Amino acid sequence: MTCVGMTFLILACAVPQPKIFYPFFVLVFYALSVIPMILAKRLSTGSETNPKTEFALFLTAGMVLSAFALPIVLAHSGVITWVACALTLISNTVNYLTMLGYAMKDSEFDAPYGGMF
């Protein structure tokens, strides 16, 4: 599924106006959005909720929201077209749903919140 999302992201950069690569900046949010949860998973003990996990969820939600807001702000300011914005939002949706599906899949250890959490 990630291949489909990345295809939409490449199309966002190529189709409306050639050589406009600003939609690729959402890749930074893709990479950074998983780091807080990985660190919280390593630092927390047990399956109970704690402030570290809650803060990691807050940071992750902020990065996901920023990934959706960036193309809208760029389109509103006229840097990219609205078609590129729509393709980037589709890409974000597909990629973040893929990450969520991977995080929530059942692990062999029967973790209460899936494999990643």
PDB file of N, CA and C in Angstrom:
ATOM      1  N   MET A   1       0.810  -1.192   0.000  1.00  0.00           N
ATOM      2  CA  MET A   1       0.000   0.000   0.000  1.00  0.00           C
ATOM      3  C   MET A   1       0.853   1.256   0.000  1.00  0.00           C
ATOM      4  N   THR A   2       2.017   1.184   0.618  1.00  0.00           N
ATOM      5  CA  THR A   2       2.876   2.357   0.657  1.00  0.00           C
ATOM      6  C   THR A   2       3.323   2.746  -0.746  1.00  0.00           C
ATOM      7  N   CYS A   3       3.469   1.767  -1.633  1.00  0.00           N
ATOM      8  CA  CYS A   3       3.846   2.085  -3.013  1.00  0.00           C
ATOM      9  C   CYS A   3       2.789   2.942  -3.689  1.00  0.00           C
ATOM     10  N   VAL A   4       1.527   2.682  -3.397  1.00  0.00           N
ATOM     11  CA  VAL A   4       0.450   3.493  -3.967  1.00  0.00           C
ATOM     12  C   VAL A   4       0.519   4.913  -3.413  1.00  0.00           C
ATOM     13  N   GLY A   5       0.749   5.044  -2.116  1.00  0.00           N
ATOM     14  CA  GLY A   5       0.864   6.361  -1.508  1.00  0.00           C
ATOM     15  C   GLY A   5       2.042   7.148  -2.053  1.00  0.00           C
ATOM     16  N   MET A   6       3.172   6.485  -2.229  1.00  0.00           N
ATOM     17  CA  MET A   6       4.337   7.176  -2.778  1.00  0.00           C
ATOM     18  C   MET A   6       4.127   7.539  -4.240  1.00  0.00           C
ATOM     19  N   THR A   7       3.362   6.729  -4.968  1.00  0.00           N
ATOM     20  CA  THR A   7       3.041   7.075  -6.360  1.00  0.00           C
ATOM     21  C   THR A   7       2.218   8.352  -6.411  1.00  0.00           C
ATOM     22  N   PHE A   8       1.253   8.488  -5.514  1.00  0.00           N
ATOM     23  CA  PHE A   8       0.479   9.729  -5.463  1.00  0.00           C
ATOM     24  C   PHE A   8       1.367  10.922  -5.106  1.00  0.00           C
ATOM     25  N   LEU A   9       2.333  10.715  -4.238  1.00  0.00           N
ATOM     26  CA  LEU A   9       3.230  11.802  -3.857  1.00  0.00           C
ATOM     27  C   LEU A   9       4.117  12.212  -5.034  1.00  0.00           C
ATOM     28  N   ILE A  10       4.597  11.250  -5.792  1.00  0.00           N
ATOM     29  CA  ILE A  10       5.395  11.562  -6.977  1.00  0.00           C
ATOM     30  C   ILE A  10       4.540  12.261  -8.020  1.00  0.00           C
ATOM     31  N   LEU A  11       3.302  11.817  -8.182  1.00  0.00           N
ATOM     32  CA  LEU A  11       2.401  12.493  -9.113  1.00  0.00           C
ATOM     33  C   LEU A  11       2.099  13.918  -8.681  1.00  0.00           C
ATOM     34  N   ALA A  12       2.045  14.160  -7.387  1.00  0.00           N
ATOM     35  CA  ALA A  12       1.812  15.514  -6.893  1.00  0.00           C
ATOM     36  C   ALA A  12       2.952  16.443  -7.284  1.00  0.00           C
ATOM     37  N   CYS A  13       4.139  15.898  -7.395  1.00  0.00           N
ATOM     38  CA  CYS A  13       5.290  16.716  -7.781  1.00  0.00           C
ATOM     39  C   CYS A  13       5.421  16.858  -9.290  1.00  0.00           C
ATOM     40  N   ALA A  14       4.889  15.928 -10.054  1.00  0.00           N
ATOM     41  CA  ALA A  14       5.146  15.905 -11.489  1.00  0.00           C
ATOM     42  C   ALA A  14       3.985  16.362 -12.359  1.00  0.00           C
ATOM     43  N   VAL A  15       2.766  16.061 -11.968  1.00  0.00           N
ATOM     44  CA  VAL A  15       1.642  16.272 -12.884  1.00  0.00           C
ATOM     45  C   VAL A  15       1.254  17.739 -13.054  1.00  0.00           C
ATOM     46  N   PRO A  16       0.918  18.487 -12.022  1.00  0.00           N
ATOM     47  CA  PRO A  16       0.412  19.843 -12.273  1.00  0.00           C
ATOM     48  C   PRO A  16       1.464  20.782 -12.854  1.00  0.00           C
ATOM     49  N   GLN A  17       2.624  20.837 -12.220  1.00  0.00           N
ATOM     50  CA  GLN A  17       3.721  21.669 -12.694  1.00  0.00           C
ATOM     51  C   GLN A  17       4.992  20.859 -12.573  1.00  0.00           C
ATOM     52  N   PRO A  18       5.710  20.681 -13.665  1.00  0.00           N
ATOM     53  CA  PRO A  18       6.957  19.912 -13.555  1.00  0.00           C
ATOM     54  C   PRO A  18       7.989  20.637 -12.687  1.00  0.00           C
ATOM     55  N   LYS A  19       8.799  19.868 -12.020  1.00  0.00           N
ATOM     56  CA  LYS A  19       9.914  20.341 -11.205  1.00  0.00           C
ATOM     57  C   LYS A  19       9.508  21.171  -9.992  1.00  0.00           C
ATOM     58  N   ILE A  20       8.330  20.926  -9.434  1.00  0.00           N
ATOM     59  CA  ILE A  20       7.925  21.524  -8.164  1.00  0.00           C
ATOM     60  C   ILE A  20       7.962  20.393  -7.139  1.00  0.00           C
ATOM     61  N   PHE A  21       8.959  20.409  -6.280  1.00  0.00           N
ATOM     62  CA  PHE A  21       9.180  19.291  -5.377  1.00  0.00           C
ATOM     63  C   PHE A  21       8.792  19.600  -3.938  1.00  0.00           C
ATOM     64  N   TYR A  22       8.032  20.633  -3.705  1.00  0.00           N
ATOM     65  CA  TYR A  22       7.636  20.973  -2.340  1.00  0.00           C
ATOM     66  C   TYR A  22       6.766  19.917  -1.665  1.00  0.00           C
ATOM     67  N   PRO A  23       5.914  19.178  -2.385  1.00  0.00           N
ATOM     68  CA  PRO A  23       5.159  18.120  -1.685  1.00  0.00           C
ATOM     69  C   PRO A  23       6.034  17.032  -1.059  1.00  0.00           C
ATOM     70  N   PHE A  24       7.273  16.894  -1.516  1.00  0.00           N
ATOM     71  CA  PHE A  24       8.155  15.884  -0.934  1.00  0.00           C
ATOM     72  C   PHE A  24       8.556  16.201   0.502  1.00  0.00           C
ATOM     73  N   PHE A  25       8.311  17.417   0.969  1.00  0.00           N
ATOM     74  CA  PHE A  25       8.657  17.754   2.346  1.00  0.00           C
ATOM     75  C   PHE A  25       7.830  16.974   3.357  1.00  0.00           C
ATOM     76  N   VAL A  26       6.729  16.363   2.940  1.00  0.00           N
ATOM     77  CA  VAL A  26       5.960  15.545   3.884  1.00  0.00           C
ATOM     78  C   VAL A  26       6.699  14.256   4.232  1.00  0.00           C
ATOM     79  N   LEU A  27       7.712  13.898   3.448  1.00  0.00           N
ATOM     80  CA  LEU A  27       8.515  12.714   3.787  1.00  0.00           C
ATOM     81  C   LEU A  27       9.226  12.882   5.129  1.00  0.00           C
ATOM     82  N   VAL A  28       9.546  14.118   5.473  1.00  0.00           N
ATOM     83  CA  VAL A  28      10.164  14.382   6.773  1.00  0.00           C
ATOM     84  C   VAL A  28       9.195  13.991   7.890  1.00  0.00           C
ATOM     85  N   PHE A  29       7.923  14.328   7.710  1.00  0.00           N
ATOM     86  CA  PHE A  29       6.925  13.972   8.722  1.00  0.00           C
ATOM     87  C   PHE A  29       6.687  12.467   8.768  1.00  0.00           C
ATOM     88  N   TYR A  30       6.778  11.787   7.619  1.00  0.00           N
ATOM     89  CA  TYR A  30       6.639  10.333   7.626  1.00  0.00           C
ATOM     90  C   TYR A  30       7.733   9.695   8.479  1.00  0.00           C
ATOM     91  N   ALA A  31       8.946  10.192   8.331  1.00  0.00           N
ATOM     92  CA  ALA A  31      10.059   9.605   9.078  1.00  0.00           C
ATOM     93  C   ALA A  31      10.015   9.971  10.557  1.00  0.00           C
ATOM     94  N   LEU A  32       9.646  11.220  10.862  1.00  0.00           N
ATOM     95  CA  LEU A  32       9.676  11.673  12.249  1.00  0.00           C
ATOM     96  C   LEU A  32       8.472  11.225  13.072  1.00  0.00           C
ATOM     97  N   SER A  33       7.366  10.893  12.427  1.00  0.00           N
ATOM     98  CA  SER A  33       6.151  10.596  13.188  1.00  0.00           C
ATOM     99  C   SER A  33       6.220   9.272  13.940  1.00  0.00           C
ATOM    100  N   VAL A  34       7.073   8.367  13.542  1.00  0.00           N
ATOM    101  CA  VAL A  34       7.156   7.074  14.236  1.00  0.00           C
ATOM    102  C   VAL A  34       8.170   7.081  15.372  1.00  0.00           C
ATOM    103  N   ILE A  35       9.071   8.054  15.389  1.00  0.00           N
ATOM    104  CA  ILE A  35      10.149   8.075  16.381  1.00  0.00           C
ATOM    105  C   ILE A  35       9.632   8.207  17.816  1.00  0.00           C
ATOM    106  N   PRO A  36       8.668   9.105  18.120  1.00  0.00           N
ATOM    107  CA  PRO A  36       8.224   9.194  19.520  1.00  0.00           C
ATOM    108  C   PRO A  36       7.624   7.893  20.054  1.00  0.00           C
ATOM    109  N   MET A  37       6.869   7.181  19.232  1.00  0.00           N
ATOM    110  CA  MET A  37       6.260   5.940  19.713  1.00  0.00           C
ATOM    111  C   MET A  37       7.299   4.837  19.895  1.00  0.00           C
ATOM    112  N   ILE A  38       8.304   4.809  19.040  1.00  0.00           N
ATOM    113  CA  ILE A  38       9.366   3.815  19.206  1.00  0.00           C
ATOM    114  C   ILE A  38      10.126   4.077  20.508  1.00  0.00           C
ATOM    115  N   LEU A  39      10.443   5.339  20.772  1.00  0.00           N
ATOM    116  CA  LEU A  39      11.140   5.679  22.007  1.00  0.00           C
ATOM    117  C   LEU A  39      10.277   5.397  23.237  1.00  0.00           C
ATOM    118  N   ALA A  40       8.985   5.716  23.160  1.00  0.00           N
ATOM    119  CA  ALA A  40       8.102   5.447  24.297  1.00  0.00           C
ATOM    120  C   ALA A  40       7.972   3.950  24.542  1.00  0.00           C
ATOM    121  N   LYS A  41       7.953   3.176  23.483  1.00  0.00           N
ATOM    122  CA  LYS A  41       7.868   1.722  23.636  1.00  0.00           C
ATOM    123  C   LYS A  41       9.110   1.172  24.330  1.00  0.00           C
ATOM    124  N   ARG A  42      10.258   1.741  23.988  1.00  0.00           N
ATOM    125  CA  ARG A  42      11.508   1.275  24.595  1.00  0.00           C
ATOM    126  C   ARG A  42      11.632   1.706  26.054  1.00  0.00           C
ATOM    127  N   LEU A  43      11.098   2.881  26.389  1.00  0.00           N
ATOM    128  CA  LEU A  43      11.286   3.422  27.725  1.00  0.00           C
ATOM    129  C   LEU A  43      10.209   3.008  28.717  1.00  0.00           C
ATOM    130  N   SER A  44       9.051   2.575  28.235  1.00  0.00           N
ATOM    131  CA  SER A  44       7.971   2.220  29.155  1.00  0.00           C
ATOM    132  C   SER A  44       8.064   0.747  29.532  1.00  0.00           C
ATOM    133  N   THR A  45       7.614   0.474  30.730  1.00  0.00           N
ATOM    134  CA  THR A  45       7.592  -0.904  31.198  1.00  0.00           C
ATOM    135  C   THR A  45       6.158  -1.338  31.397  1.00  0.00           C
ATOM    136  N   GLY A  46       5.827  -2.494  30.915  1.00  0.00           N
ATOM    137  CA  GLY A  46       4.476  -3.004  31.085  1.00  0.00           C
ATOM    138  C   GLY A  46       3.521  -2.453  30.049  1.00  0.00           C
ATOM    139  N   SER A  47       2.246  -2.780  30.228  1.00  0.00           N
ATOM    140  CA  SER A  47       1.242  -2.370  29.260  1.00  0.00           C
ATOM    141  C   SER A  47       0.361  -1.225  29.760  1.00  0.00           C
ATOM    142  N   GLU A  48       0.629  -0.719  30.959  1.00  0.00           N
ATOM    143  CA  GLU A  48      -0.198   0.369  31.481  1.00  0.00           C
ATOM    144  C   GLU A  48       0.191   1.687  30.795  1.00  0.00           C
ATOM    145  N   THR A  49      -0.733   2.607  30.781  1.00  0.00           N
ATOM    146  CA  THR A  49      -0.429   3.907  30.195  1.00  0.00           C
ATOM    147  C   THR A  49       0.368   4.736  31.189  1.00  0.00           C
ATOM    148  N   ASN A  50       1.231   5.552  30.677  1.00  0.00           N
ATOM    149  CA  ASN A  50       2.039   6.413  31.514  1.00  0.00           C
ATOM    150  C   ASN A  50       2.251   7.739  30.793  1.00  0.00           C
ATOM    151  N   PRO A  51       2.802   8.733  31.447  1.00  0.00           N
ATOM    152  CA  PRO A  51       2.976  10.036  30.808  1.00  0.00           C
ATOM    153  C   PRO A  51       3.892  10.002  29.589  1.00  0.00           C
ATOM    154  N   LYS A  52       4.865   9.112  29.560  1.00  0.00           N
ATOM    155  CA  LYS A  52       5.754   9.025  28.401  1.00  0.00           C
ATOM    156  C   LYS A  52       4.986   8.590  27.154  1.00  0.00           C
ATOM    157  N   THR A  53       4.131   7.602  27.325  1.00  0.00           N
ATOM    158  CA  THR A  53       3.344   7.121  26.196  1.00  0.00           C
ATOM    159  C   THR A  53       2.350   8.182  25.735  1.00  0.00           C
ATOM    160  N   GLU A  54       1.720   8.857  26.662  1.00  0.00           N
ATOM    161  CA  GLU A  54       0.762   9.894  26.306  1.00  0.00           C
ATOM    162  C   GLU A  54       1.438  11.056  25.584  1.00  0.00           C
ATOM    163  N   PHE A  55       2.632  11.453  26.033  1.00  0.00           N
ATOM    164  CA  PHE A  55       3.360  12.530  25.376  1.00  0.00           C
ATOM    165  C   PHE A  55       3.822  12.097  23.984  1.00  0.00           C
ATOM    166  N   ALA A  56       4.222  10.834  23.842  1.00  0.00           N
ATOM    167  CA  ALA A  56       4.618  10.324  22.531  1.00  0.00           C
ATOM    168  C   ALA A  56       3.431  10.312  21.567  1.00  0.00           C
ATOM    169  N   LEU A  57       2.253   9.930  22.074  1.00  0.00           N
ATOM    170  CA  LEU A  57       1.052   9.980  21.229  1.00  0.00           C
ATOM    171  C   LEU A  57       0.716  11.407  20.828  1.00  0.00           C
ATOM    172  N   PHE A  58       0.906  12.353  21.737  1.00  0.00           N
ATOM    173  CA  PHE A  58       0.665  13.761  21.441  1.00  0.00           C
ATOM    174  C   PHE A  58       1.618  14.265  20.352  1.00  0.00           C
ATOM    175  N   LEU A  59       2.906  13.941  20.469  1.00  0.00           N
ATOM    176  CA  LEU A  59       3.878  14.359  19.455  1.00  0.00           C
ATOM    177  C   LEU A  59       3.588  13.713  18.102  1.00  0.00           C
ATOM    178  N   THR A  60       3.214  12.447  18.111  1.00  0.00           N
ATOM    179  CA  THR A  60       2.893  11.752  16.869  1.00  0.00           C
ATOM    180  C   THR A  60       1.672  12.374  16.205  1.00  0.00           C
ATOM    181  N   ALA A  61       0.657  12.675  16.992  1.00  0.00           N
ATOM    182  CA  ALA A  61      -0.546  13.309  16.427  1.00  0.00           C
ATOM    183  C   ALA A  61      -0.220  14.690  15.848  1.00  0.00           C
ATOM    184  N   GLY A  62       0.662  15.438  16.508  1.00  0.00           N
ATOM    185  CA  GLY A  62       1.064  16.734  15.984  1.00  0.00           C
ATOM    186  C   GLY A  62       1.800  16.632  14.666  1.00  0.00           C
ATOM    187  N   MET A  63       2.638  15.612  14.527  1.00  0.00           N
ATOM    188  CA  MET A  63       3.369  15.433  13.272  1.00  0.00           C
ATOM    189  C   MET A  63       2.465  14.965  12.148  1.00  0.00           C
ATOM    190  N   VAL A  64       1.514  14.105  12.467  1.00  0.00           N
ATOM    191  CA  VAL A  64       0.561  13.664  11.448  1.00  0.00           C
ATOM    192  C   VAL A  64      -0.301  14.843  11.000  1.00  0.00           C
ATOM    193  N   LEU A  65      -0.748  15.641  11.935  1.00  0.00           N
ATOM    194  CA  LEU A  65      -1.533  16.827  11.589  1.00  0.00           C
ATOM    195  C   LEU A  65      -0.709  17.802  10.744  1.00  0.00           C
ATOM    196  N   SER A  66       0.558  17.951  11.056  1.00  0.00           N
ATOM    197  CA  SER A  66       1.424  18.836  10.277  1.00  0.00           C
ATOM    198  C   SER A  66       1.621  18.322   8.855  1.00  0.00           C
ATOM    199  N   ALA A  67       1.676  17.010   8.698  1.00  0.00           N
ATOM    200  CA  ALA A  67       1.821  16.441   7.358  1.00  0.00           C
ATOM    201  C   ALA A  67       0.592  16.725   6.503  1.00  0.00           C
ATOM    202  N   PHE A  68      -0.576  16.797   7.124  1.00  0.00           N
ATOM    203  CA  PHE A  68      -1.777  17.141   6.374  1.00  0.00           C
ATOM    204  C   PHE A  68      -1.908  18.648   6.176  1.00  0.00           C
ATOM    205  N   ALA A  69      -1.383  19.443   7.099  1.00  0.00           N
ATOM    206  CA  ALA A  69      -1.528  20.889   6.999  1.00  0.00           C
ATOM    207  C   ALA A  69      -0.540  21.510   6.020  1.00  0.00           C
ATOM    208  N   LEU A  70       0.644  20.939   5.883  1.00  0.00           N
ATOM    209  CA  LEU A  70       1.671  21.528   5.026  1.00  0.00           C
ATOM    210  C   LEU A  70       1.218  21.700   3.580  1.00  0.00           C
ATOM    211  N   PRO A  71       0.662  20.684   2.908  1.00  0.00           N
ATOM    212  CA  PRO A  71       0.240  20.916   1.526  1.00  0.00           C
ATOM    213  C   PRO A  71      -0.913  21.907   1.412  1.00  0.00           C
ATOM    214  N   ILE A  72      -1.771  21.960   2.422  1.00  0.00           N
ATOM    215  CA  ILE A  72      -2.876  22.927   2.373  1.00  0.00           C
ATOM    216  C   ILE A  72      -2.336  24.348   2.470  1.00  0.00           C
ATOM    217  N   VAL A  73      -1.368  24.564   3.342  1.00  0.00           N
ATOM    218  CA  VAL A  73      -0.760  25.890   3.469  1.00  0.00           C
ATOM    219  C   VAL A  73      -0.001  26.258   2.202  1.00  0.00           C
ATOM    220  N   LEU A  74       0.729  25.308   1.629  1.00  0.00           N
ATOM    221  CA  LEU A  74       1.456  25.579   0.395  1.00  0.00           C
ATOM    222  C   LEU A  74       0.519  25.888  -0.760  1.00  0.00           C
ATOM    223  N   ALA A  75      -0.606  25.195  -0.832  1.00  0.00           N
ATOM    224  CA  ALA A  75      -1.571  25.473  -1.903  1.00  0.00           C
ATOM    225  C   ALA A  75      -2.271  26.805  -1.684  1.00  0.00           C
ATOM    226  N   HIS A  76      -2.571  27.117  -0.442  1.00  0.00           N
ATOM    227  CA  HIS A  76      -3.242  28.383  -0.150  1.00  0.00           C
ATOM    228  C   HIS A  76      -2.340  29.580  -0.456  1.00  0.00           C
ATOM    229  N   SER A  77      -1.040  29.424  -0.261  1.00  0.00           N
ATOM    230  CA  SER A  77      -0.112  30.518  -0.544  1.00  0.00           C
ATOM    231  C   SER A  77       0.304  30.559  -2.011  1.00  0.00           C
ATOM    232  N   GLY A  78      -0.112  29.603  -2.796  1.00  0.00           N
ATOM    233  CA  GLY A  78       0.168  29.611  -4.226  1.00  0.00           C
ATOM    234  C   GLY A  78       1.485  28.971  -4.617  1.00  0.00           C
ATOM    235  N   VAL A  79       2.155  28.305  -3.706  1.00  0.00           N
ATOM    236  CA  VAL A  79       3.429  27.659  -4.019  1.00  0.00           C
ATOM    237  C   VAL A  79       3.198  26.410  -4.859  1.00  0.00           C
ATOM    238  N   ILE A  80       2.191  25.623  -4.503  1.00  0.00           N
ATOM    239  CA  ILE A  80       1.800  24.457  -5.297  1.00  0.00           C
ATOM    240  C   ILE A  80       0.346  24.631  -5.716  1.00  0.00           C
ATOM    241  N   THR A  81      -0.082  23.839  -6.668  1.00  0.00           N
ATOM    242  CA  THR A  81      -1.476  23.926  -7.123  1.00  0.00           C
ATOM    243  C   THR A  81      -2.367  23.095  -6.207  1.00  0.00           C
ATOM    244  N   TRP A  82      -3.660  23.319  -6.342  1.00  0.00           N
ATOM    245  CA  TRP A  82      -4.612  22.565  -5.522  1.00  0.00           C
ATOM    246  C   TRP A  82      -4.676  21.102  -5.947  1.00  0.00           C
ATOM    247  N   VAL A  83      -4.347  20.822  -7.204  1.00  0.00           N
ATOM    248  CA  VAL A  83      -4.289  19.422  -7.647  1.00  0.00           C
ATOM    249  C   VAL A  83      -3.143  18.705  -6.936  1.00  0.00           C
ATOM    250  N   ALA A  84      -1.995  19.365  -6.847  1.00  0.00           N
ATOM    251  CA  ALA A  84      -0.869  18.783  -6.118  1.00  0.00           C
ATOM    252  C   ALA A  84      -1.207  18.614  -4.641  1.00  0.00           C
ATOM    253  N   CYS A  85      -1.953  19.564  -4.090  1.00  0.00           N
ATOM    254  CA  CYS A  85      -2.382  19.456  -2.696  1.00  0.00           C
ATOM    255  C   CYS A  85      -3.281  18.242  -2.505  1.00  0.00           C
ATOM    256  N   ALA A  86      -4.230  18.051  -3.399  1.00  0.00           N
ATOM    257  CA  ALA A  86      -5.136  16.899  -3.287  1.00  0.00           C
ATOM    258  C   ALA A  86      -4.384  15.584  -3.416  1.00  0.00           C
ATOM    259  N   LEU A  87      -3.452  15.509  -4.356  1.00  0.00           N
ATOM    260  CA  LEU A  87      -2.670  14.281  -4.515  1.00  0.00           C
ATOM    261  C   LEU A  87      -1.795  14.016  -3.282  1.00  0.00           C
ATOM    262  N   THR A  88      -1.258  15.067  -2.692  1.00  0.00           N
ATOM    263  CA  THR A  88      -0.456  14.897  -1.482  1.00  0.00           C
ATOM    264  C   THR A  88      -1.312  14.447  -0.308  1.00  0.00           C
ATOM    265  N   LEU A  89      -2.522  14.975  -0.197  1.00  0.00           N
ATOM    266  CA  LEU A  89      -3.418  14.552   0.886  1.00  0.00           C
ATOM    267  C   LEU A  89      -3.844  13.100   0.721  1.00  0.00           C
ATOM    268  N   ILE A  90      -4.069  12.675  -0.519  1.00  0.00           N
ATOM    269  CA  ILE A  90      -4.382  11.263  -0.772  1.00  0.00           C
ATOM    270  C   ILE A  90      -3.189  10.398  -0.379  1.00  0.00           C
ATOM    271  N   SER A  91      -1.990  10.854  -0.744  1.00  0.00           N
ATOM    272  CA  SER A  91      -0.778  10.128  -0.379  1.00  0.00           C
ATOM    273  C   SER A  91      -0.629  10.025   1.138  1.00  0.00           C
ATOM    274  N   ASN A  92      -0.873  11.126   1.837  1.00  0.00           N
ATOM    275  CA  ASN A  92      -0.792  11.110   3.302  1.00  0.00           C
ATOM    276  C   ASN A  92      -1.776  10.117   3.900  1.00  0.00           C
ATOM    277  N   THR A  93      -2.992  10.131   3.403  1.00  0.00           N
ATOM    278  CA  THR A  93      -4.017   9.226   3.921  1.00  0.00           C
ATOM    279  C   THR A  93      -3.615   7.769   3.733  1.00  0.00           C
ATOM    280  N   VAL A  94      -3.171   7.435   2.534  1.00  0.00           N
ATOM    281  CA  VAL A  94      -2.793   6.050   2.248  1.00  0.00           C
ATOM    282  C   VAL A  94      -1.588   5.639   3.101  1.00  0.00           C
ATOM    283  N   ASN A  95      -0.588   6.491   3.170  1.00  0.00           N
ATOM    284  CA  ASN A  95       0.625   6.119   3.903  1.00  0.00           C
ATOM    285  C   ASN A  95       0.393   6.023   5.404  1.00  0.00           C
ATOM    286  N   TYR A  96      -0.368   6.955   5.965  1.00  0.00           N
ATOM    287  CA  TYR A  96      -0.604   6.885   7.414  1.00  0.00           C
ATOM    288  C   TYR A  96      -1.552   5.744   7.777  1.00  0.00           C
ATOM    289  N   LEU A  97      -2.488   5.403   6.910  1.00  0.00           N
ATOM    290  CA  LEU A  97      -3.317   4.222   7.182  1.00  0.00           C
ATOM    291  C   LEU A  97      -2.492   2.945   7.100  1.00  0.00           C
ATOM    292  N   THR A  98      -1.511   2.921   6.209  1.00  0.00           N
ATOM    293  CA  THR A  98      -0.609   1.769   6.143  1.00  0.00           C
ATOM    294  C   THR A  98       0.222   1.661   7.407  1.00  0.00           C
ATOM    295  N   MET A  99       0.738   2.814   7.882  1.00  0.00           N
ATOM    296  CA  MET A  99       1.503   2.787   9.141  1.00  0.00           C
ATOM    297  C   MET A  99       0.637   2.357  10.308  1.00  0.00           C
ATOM    298  N   LEU A 100      -0.603   2.832  10.357  1.00  0.00           N
ATOM    299  CA  LEU A 100      -1.513   2.453  11.432  1.00  0.00           C
ATOM    300  C   LEU A 100      -1.832   0.965  11.373  1.00  0.00           C
ATOM    301  N   GLY A 101      -2.058   0.450  10.180  1.00  0.00           N
ATOM    302  CA  GLY A 101      -2.328  -0.978  10.034  1.00  0.00           C
ATOM    303  C   GLY A 101      -1.158  -1.832  10.478  1.00  0.00           C
ATOM    304  N   TYR A 102       0.050  -1.370  10.161  1.00  0.00           N
ATOM    305  CA  TYR A 102       1.233  -2.103  10.612  1.00  0.00           C
ATOM    306  C   TYR A 102       1.381  -2.035  12.131  1.00  0.00           C
ATOM    307  N   ALA A 103       1.094  -0.881  12.692  1.00  0.00           N
ATOM    308  CA  ALA A 103       1.242  -0.722  14.136  1.00  0.00           C
ATOM    309  C   ALA A 103       0.197  -1.522  14.901  1.00  0.00           C
ATOM    310  N   MET A 104      -0.983  -1.681  14.353  1.00  0.00           N
ATOM    311  CA  MET A 104      -2.064  -2.360  15.060  1.00  0.00           C
ATOM    312  C   MET A 104      -2.154  -3.856  14.781  1.00  0.00           C
ATOM    313  N   LYS A 105      -1.285  -4.368  13.917  1.00  0.00           N
ATOM    314  CA  LYS A 105      -1.378  -5.796  13.631  1.00  0.00           C
ATOM    315  C   LYS A 105      -1.016  -6.596  14.867  1.00  0.00           C
ATOM    316  N   ASP A 106      -1.568  -7.765  14.959  1.00  0.00           N
ATOM    317  CA  ASP A 106      -1.313  -8.615  16.125  1.00  0.00           C
ATOM    318  C   ASP A 106       0.112  -9.119  16.077  1.00  0.00           C
ATOM    319  N   SER A 107       0.748  -9.021  17.203  1.00  0.00           N
ATOM    320  CA  SER A 107       2.107  -9.562  17.287  1.00  0.00           C
ATOM    321  C   SER A 107       2.043 -10.951  17.893  1.00  0.00           C
ATOM    322  N   GLU A 108       3.150 -11.630  17.833  1.00  0.00           N
ATOM    323  CA  GLU A 108       3.183 -12.986  18.375  1.00  0.00           C
ATOM    324  C   GLU A 108       3.170 -13.000  19.892  1.00  0.00           C
ATOM    325  N   PHE A 109       3.392 -11.832  20.513  1.00  0.00           N
ATOM    326  CA  PHE A 109       3.406 -11.762  21.973  1.00  0.00           C
ATOM    327  C   PHE A 109       2.069 -11.306  22.543  1.00  0.00           C
ATOM    328  N   ASP A 110       1.072 -11.098  21.689  1.00  0.00           N
ATOM    329  CA  ASP A 110      -0.260 -10.640  22.101  1.00  0.00           C
ATOM    330  C   ASP A 110      -0.195  -9.355  22.896  1.00  0.00           C
ATOM    331  N   ALA A 111       0.476  -8.378  22.363  1.00  0.00           N
ATOM    332  CA  ALA A 111       0.521  -7.051  22.986  1.00  0.00           C
ATOM    333  C   ALA A 111      -0.873  -6.442  22.907  1.00  0.00           C
ATOM    334  N   PRO A 112      -1.286  -5.692  23.897  1.00  0.00           N
ATOM    335  CA  PRO A 112      -2.666  -5.191  23.930  1.00  0.00           C
ATOM    336  C   PRO A 112      -2.983  -4.161  22.850  1.00  0.00           C
ATOM    337  N   TYR A 113      -1.995  -3.420  22.375  1.00  0.00           N
ATOM    338  CA  TYR A 113      -2.253  -2.403  21.366  1.00  0.00           C
ATOM    339  C   TYR A 113      -1.594  -2.730  20.041  1.00  0.00           C
ATOM    340  N   GLY A 114      -1.309  -3.956  19.759  1.00  0.00           N
ATOM    341  CA  GLY A 114      -0.718  -4.341  18.497  1.00  0.00           C
ATOM    342  C   GLY A 114       0.787  -4.499  18.605  1.00  0.00           C
ATOM    343  N   GLY A 115       1.410  -4.665  17.461  1.00  0.00           N
ATOM    344  CA  GLY A 115       2.821  -4.968  17.425  1.00  0.00           C
ATOM    345  C   GLY A 115       3.711  -3.787  17.775  1.00  0.00           C
ATOM    346  N   MET A 116       3.377  -2.595  17.320  1.00  0.00           N
ATOM    347  CA  MET A 116       4.256  -1.458  17.541  1.00  0.00           C
ATOM    348  C   MET A 116       4.062  -0.843  18.899  1.00  0.00           C
ATOM    349  N   PHE A 117       2.827  -0.793  19.372  1.00  0.00           N
ATOM    350  CA  PHE A 117       2.544  -0.142  20.640  1.00  0.00           C
ATOM    351  C   PHE A 117       2.616  -1.159  21.743  1.00  0.00           C
TER     352      PHE A 117
END
